[in-house]
Amino acid sequence: MNKHLVFKFLLYVAGGTQNSASAVANLTTLCHTHLSERRYDIEVIDVFREPKRALADGILMTPMLIKLSPSPIRRIIGTLSDTQSLLTALEFPIVK
């Protein structure tokens, strides 16, 4: 894998709900565990604080994860608790 490749994520949440907190924790843990050398950037957007941005990005449910790069763009709804499915969907590198 390219050492300079950076995974970029937007994570839309709804305030301090349990599902929002779980999604943030699960994504952070997944990235920390599977993307060495912090080759990721996570931007957390609260739909209550930035409703216009959420609408512009077509966010109708939360938590909603958008993987911006590397392409293809992916959208995943939920708390991100199914690690194996998430690794596949996000096309994380296989660690040997």
N, C-alpha and C. Protein backbone atom coordinates (compact mmCIF):
# COMPACT_ATOMS: atom_id res chain seq x y z
N MET A 1 0.83 -1.18 0.00
CA MET A 1 0.00 0.00 0.00
C MET A 1 0.87 1.24 0.00
N ASN A 2 0.44 2.26 -0.69
CA ASN A 2 1.14 3.52 -0.78
C ASN A 2 1.27 4.15 0.61
N LYS A 3 2.50 4.45 1.02
CA LYS A 3 2.73 5.03 2.35
C LYS A 3 2.10 6.41 2.51
N HIS A 4 1.85 7.10 1.40
CA HIS A 4 1.31 8.45 1.47
C HIS A 4 -0.21 8.49 1.32
N LEU A 5 -0.83 7.33 1.12
CA LEU A 5 -2.27 7.24 0.98
C LEU A 5 -2.93 7.55 2.31
N VAL A 6 -3.89 8.47 2.30
CA VAL A 6 -4.60 8.86 3.51
C VAL A 6 -6.09 8.59 3.33
N PHE A 7 -6.67 7.89 4.28
CA PHE A 7 -8.10 7.68 4.29
C PHE A 7 -8.75 8.92 4.90
N LYS A 8 -9.75 9.46 4.21
CA LYS A 8 -10.46 10.65 4.71
C LYS A 8 -11.92 10.31 4.92
N PHE A 9 -12.41 10.64 6.12
CA PHE A 9 -13.77 10.30 6.51
C PHE A 9 -14.53 11.52 7.02
N LEU A 10 -15.83 11.55 6.71
CA LEU A 10 -16.77 12.45 7.36
C LEU A 10 -17.71 11.56 8.15
N LEU A 11 -17.92 11.86 9.41
CA LEU A 11 -18.84 11.09 10.23
C LEU A 11 -19.90 12.05 10.76
N TYR A 12 -21.12 11.88 10.25
CA TYR A 12 -22.24 12.71 10.68
C TYR A 12 -22.90 12.05 11.88
N VAL A 13 -23.09 12.83 12.95
CA VAL A 13 -23.69 12.34 14.18
C VAL A 13 -24.80 13.29 14.61
N ALA A 14 -25.63 12.84 15.55
CA ALA A 14 -26.73 13.65 16.08
C ALA A 14 -26.47 13.94 17.55
N GLY A 15 -25.71 14.97 17.81
CA GLY A 15 -25.43 15.36 19.18
C GLY A 15 -24.67 14.31 19.96
N GLY A 16 -24.96 14.21 21.23
CA GLY A 16 -24.24 13.31 22.12
C GLY A 16 -24.98 12.00 22.38
N THR A 17 -25.74 11.52 21.42
CA THR A 17 -26.47 10.28 21.62
C THR A 17 -25.52 9.09 21.77
N GLN A 18 -26.05 8.01 22.33
CA GLN A 18 -25.23 6.80 22.50
C GLN A 18 -24.77 6.26 21.15
N ASN A 19 -25.65 6.25 20.14
CA ASN A 19 -25.26 5.76 18.82
C ASN A 19 -24.16 6.62 18.21
N SER A 20 -24.23 7.92 18.41
CA SER A 20 -23.20 8.82 17.89
C SER A 20 -21.86 8.55 18.57
N ALA A 21 -21.89 8.42 19.88
CA ALA A 21 -20.65 8.15 20.63
C ALA A 21 -20.06 6.80 20.22
N SER A 22 -20.91 5.81 20.03
CA SER A 22 -20.44 4.49 19.61
C SER A 22 -19.79 4.55 18.23
N ALA A 23 -20.41 5.26 17.31
CA ALA A 23 -19.86 5.37 15.95
C ALA A 23 -18.49 6.05 15.96
N VAL A 24 -18.35 7.12 16.72
CA VAL A 24 -17.06 7.82 16.82
C VAL A 24 -16.00 6.88 17.41
N ALA A 25 -16.35 6.22 18.50
CA ALA A 25 -15.39 5.31 19.16
C ALA A 25 -15.02 4.15 18.25
N ASN A 26 -16.00 3.56 17.59
CA ASN A 26 -15.74 2.41 16.73
C ASN A 26 -14.87 2.78 15.53
N LEU A 27 -15.15 3.92 14.91
CA LEU A 27 -14.35 4.34 13.76
C LEU A 27 -12.93 4.69 14.19
N THR A 28 -12.79 5.38 15.29
CA THR A 28 -11.46 5.74 15.78
C THR A 28 -10.64 4.50 16.10
N THR A 29 -11.24 3.54 16.77
CA THR A 29 -10.55 2.30 17.11
C THR A 29 -10.17 1.53 15.85
N LEU A 30 -11.09 1.43 14.90
CA LEU A 30 -10.83 0.72 13.65
C LEU A 30 -9.65 1.34 12.91
N CYS A 31 -9.66 2.66 12.79
CA CYS A 31 -8.57 3.34 12.07
C CYS A 31 -7.24 3.18 12.80
N HIS A 32 -7.27 3.34 14.11
CA HIS A 32 -6.04 3.23 14.90
C HIS A 32 -5.45 1.82 14.80
N THR A 33 -6.32 0.83 14.76
CA THR A 33 -5.88 -0.56 14.71
C THR A 33 -5.41 -0.98 13.32
N HIS A 34 -6.11 -0.53 12.28
CA HIS A 34 -5.87 -1.06 10.94
C HIS A 34 -5.15 -0.11 9.98
N LEU A 35 -4.98 1.13 10.37
CA LEU A 35 -4.27 2.09 9.51
C LEU A 35 -3.08 2.63 10.30
N SER A 36 -1.94 2.02 10.11
CA SER A 36 -0.76 2.41 10.87
C SER A 36 -0.33 3.82 10.52
N GLU A 37 0.45 4.39 11.39
CA GLU A 37 1.06 5.71 11.20
C GLU A 37 0.02 6.81 10.99
N ARG A 38 -1.16 6.60 11.58
CA ARG A 38 -2.23 7.61 11.53
C ARG A 38 -2.47 8.12 10.11
N ARG A 39 -2.61 7.21 9.18
CA ARG A 39 -2.88 7.59 7.80
C ARG A 39 -4.39 7.74 7.57
N TYR A 40 -5.00 8.54 8.43
CA TYR A 40 -6.43 8.78 8.29
C TYR A 40 -6.78 10.14 8.87
N ASP A 41 -7.90 10.67 8.38
CA ASP A 41 -8.41 11.95 8.86
C ASP A 41 -9.92 11.77 9.06
N ILE A 42 -10.38 12.02 10.27
CA ILE A 42 -11.79 11.88 10.59
C ILE A 42 -12.34 13.25 10.97
N GLU A 43 -13.37 13.69 10.25
CA GLU A 43 -14.06 14.93 10.60
C GLU A 43 -15.44 14.54 11.10
N VAL A 44 -15.76 14.89 12.34
CA VAL A 44 -17.07 14.58 12.93
C VAL A 44 -17.94 15.83 12.82
N ILE A 45 -19.13 15.65 12.22
CA ILE A 45 -20.04 16.77 12.00
C ILE A 45 -21.34 16.47 12.74
N ASP A 46 -21.73 17.36 13.63
CA ASP A 46 -22.98 17.24 14.38
C ASP A 46 -24.09 17.89 13.55
N VAL A 47 -25.09 17.09 13.16
CA VAL A 47 -26.16 17.62 12.31
C VAL A 47 -26.99 18.68 13.03
N PHE A 48 -26.98 18.69 14.36
CA PHE A 48 -27.71 19.72 15.09
C PHE A 48 -26.98 21.06 15.02
N ARG A 49 -25.68 21.03 14.92
CA ARG A 49 -24.89 22.27 14.84
C ARG A 49 -24.68 22.75 13.41
N GLU A 50 -24.71 21.81 12.45
CA GLU A 50 -24.49 22.16 11.05
C GLU A 50 -25.56 21.52 10.16
N PRO A 51 -26.83 21.90 10.38
CA PRO A 51 -27.91 21.26 9.62
C PRO A 51 -27.86 21.54 8.12
N LYS A 52 -27.43 22.72 7.74
CA LYS A 52 -27.36 23.04 6.31
C LYS A 52 -26.31 22.18 5.60
N ARG A 53 -25.20 21.93 6.26
CA ARG A 53 -24.16 21.08 5.68
C ARG A 53 -24.68 19.65 5.53
N ALA A 54 -25.37 19.18 6.56
CA ALA A 54 -25.93 17.83 6.50
C ALA A 54 -26.92 17.71 5.35
N LEU A 55 -27.79 18.67 5.19
CA LEU A 55 -28.74 18.64 4.09
C LEU A 55 -28.04 18.70 2.74
N ALA A 56 -27.03 19.55 2.62
CA ALA A 56 -26.29 19.67 1.37
C ALA A 56 -25.60 18.36 1.00
N ASP A 57 -25.18 17.60 2.01
CA ASP A 57 -24.52 16.31 1.77
C ASP A 57 -25.51 15.14 1.70
N GLY A 58 -26.81 15.44 1.79
CA GLY A 58 -27.82 14.40 1.66
C GLY A 58 -27.92 13.48 2.86
N ILE A 59 -27.62 13.98 4.04
CA ILE A 59 -27.66 13.16 5.25
C ILE A 59 -29.09 13.14 5.79
N LEU A 60 -29.71 11.97 5.75
CA LEU A 60 -31.07 11.82 6.24
C LEU A 60 -31.14 10.99 7.51
N MET A 61 -30.07 10.25 7.80
CA MET A 61 -30.00 9.40 8.99
C MET A 61 -28.61 9.54 9.60
N THR A 62 -28.56 9.33 10.91
CA THR A 62 -27.26 9.34 11.59
C THR A 62 -27.20 8.13 12.52
N PRO A 63 -26.02 7.70 12.90
CA PRO A 63 -24.73 8.13 12.36
C PRO A 63 -24.56 7.69 10.90
N MET A 64 -23.89 8.53 10.13
CA MET A 64 -23.62 8.27 8.72
C MET A 64 -22.14 8.53 8.47
N LEU A 65 -21.44 7.51 8.01
CA LEU A 65 -20.02 7.63 7.67
C LEU A 65 -19.89 7.76 6.16
N ILE A 66 -19.10 8.73 5.74
CA ILE A 66 -18.77 8.88 4.33
C ILE A 66 -17.26 8.76 4.20
N LYS A 67 -16.81 7.78 3.42
CA LYS A 67 -15.39 7.64 3.11
C LYS A 67 -15.16 8.44 1.82
N LEU A 68 -14.39 9.51 1.92
CA LEU A 68 -14.13 10.36 0.77
C LEU A 68 -12.96 9.86 -0.08
N SER A 69 -11.93 9.39 0.59
CA SER A 69 -10.77 8.89 -0.15
C SER A 69 -10.10 7.81 0.67
N PRO A 70 -9.43 6.90 0.01
CA PRO A 70 -9.30 6.80 -1.44
C PRO A 70 -10.64 6.37 -2.06
N SER A 71 -10.79 6.67 -3.34
CA SER A 71 -12.03 6.34 -4.02
C SER A 71 -12.15 4.83 -4.12
N PRO A 72 -13.34 4.31 -4.24
CA PRO A 72 -14.61 5.00 -4.44
C PRO A 72 -15.18 5.51 -3.12
N ILE A 73 -16.02 6.54 -3.24
CA ILE A 73 -16.71 7.08 -2.08
C ILE A 73 -17.69 6.03 -1.57
N ARG A 74 -17.76 5.88 -0.26
CA ARG A 74 -18.67 4.93 0.37
C ARG A 74 -19.48 5.65 1.44
N ARG A 75 -20.74 5.22 1.61
CA ARG A 75 -21.62 5.73 2.68
C ARG A 75 -22.09 4.54 3.50
N ILE A 76 -21.96 4.66 4.81
CA ILE A 76 -22.34 3.57 5.71
C ILE A 76 -23.14 4.17 6.86
N ILE A 77 -24.29 3.58 7.13
CA ILE A 77 -25.17 4.04 8.21
C ILE A 77 -25.03 3.10 9.39
N GLY A 78 -24.99 3.67 10.60
CA GLY A 78 -25.01 2.85 11.81
C GLY A 78 -23.86 3.16 12.74
N THR A 79 -23.74 2.33 13.77
CA THR A 79 -22.74 2.56 14.82
C THR A 79 -21.36 2.02 14.47
N LEU A 80 -21.24 1.40 13.30
CA LEU A 80 -19.95 0.90 12.81
C LEU A 80 -19.39 -0.19 13.73
N SER A 81 -20.27 -1.01 14.25
CA SER A 81 -19.84 -2.04 15.21
C SER A 81 -19.46 -3.37 14.57
N ASP A 82 -19.84 -3.61 13.32
CA ASP A 82 -19.50 -4.87 12.64
C ASP A 82 -18.15 -4.68 11.95
N THR A 83 -17.09 -4.94 12.68
CA THR A 83 -15.73 -4.65 12.22
C THR A 83 -15.39 -5.31 10.88
N GLN A 84 -15.69 -6.59 10.75
CA GLN A 84 -15.30 -7.30 9.53
C GLN A 84 -16.01 -6.73 8.30
N SER A 85 -17.30 -6.48 8.41
CA SER A 85 -18.05 -5.90 7.28
C SER A 85 -17.55 -4.50 6.96
N LEU A 86 -17.22 -3.75 7.99
CA LEU A 86 -16.73 -2.39 7.81
C LEU A 86 -15.37 -2.38 7.10
N LEU A 87 -14.48 -3.27 7.50
CA LEU A 87 -13.17 -3.36 6.84
C LEU A 87 -13.33 -3.65 5.35
N THR A 88 -14.24 -4.54 5.03
CA THR A 88 -14.50 -4.89 3.63
C THR A 88 -15.11 -3.71 2.88
N ALA A 89 -16.13 -3.10 3.45
CA ALA A 89 -16.81 -1.99 2.79
C ALA A 89 -15.91 -0.79 2.55
N LEU A 90 -15.02 -0.52 3.51
CA LEU A 90 -14.12 0.63 3.40
C LEU A 90 -12.85 0.32 2.62
N GLU A 91 -12.66 -0.96 2.27
CA GLU A 91 -11.50 -1.40 1.52
C GLU A 91 -10.18 -1.06 2.24
N PHE A 92 -10.16 -1.38 3.53
CA PHE A 92 -8.94 -1.18 4.30
C PHE A 92 -7.89 -2.17 3.83
N PRO A 93 -6.63 -1.81 3.97
CA PRO A 93 -5.56 -2.72 3.57
C PRO A 93 -5.54 -3.96 4.46
N ILE A 94 -5.18 -5.08 3.89
CA ILE A 94 -5.09 -6.32 4.65
C ILE A 94 -3.76 -6.35 5.38
N VAL A 95 -3.84 -6.49 6.70
CA VAL A 95 -2.65 -6.53 7.54
C VAL A 95 -2.23 -7.98 7.69
N LYS A 96 -0.97 -8.28 7.37
CA LYS A 96 -0.47 -9.66 7.47
C LYS A 96 0.48 -9.81 8.63
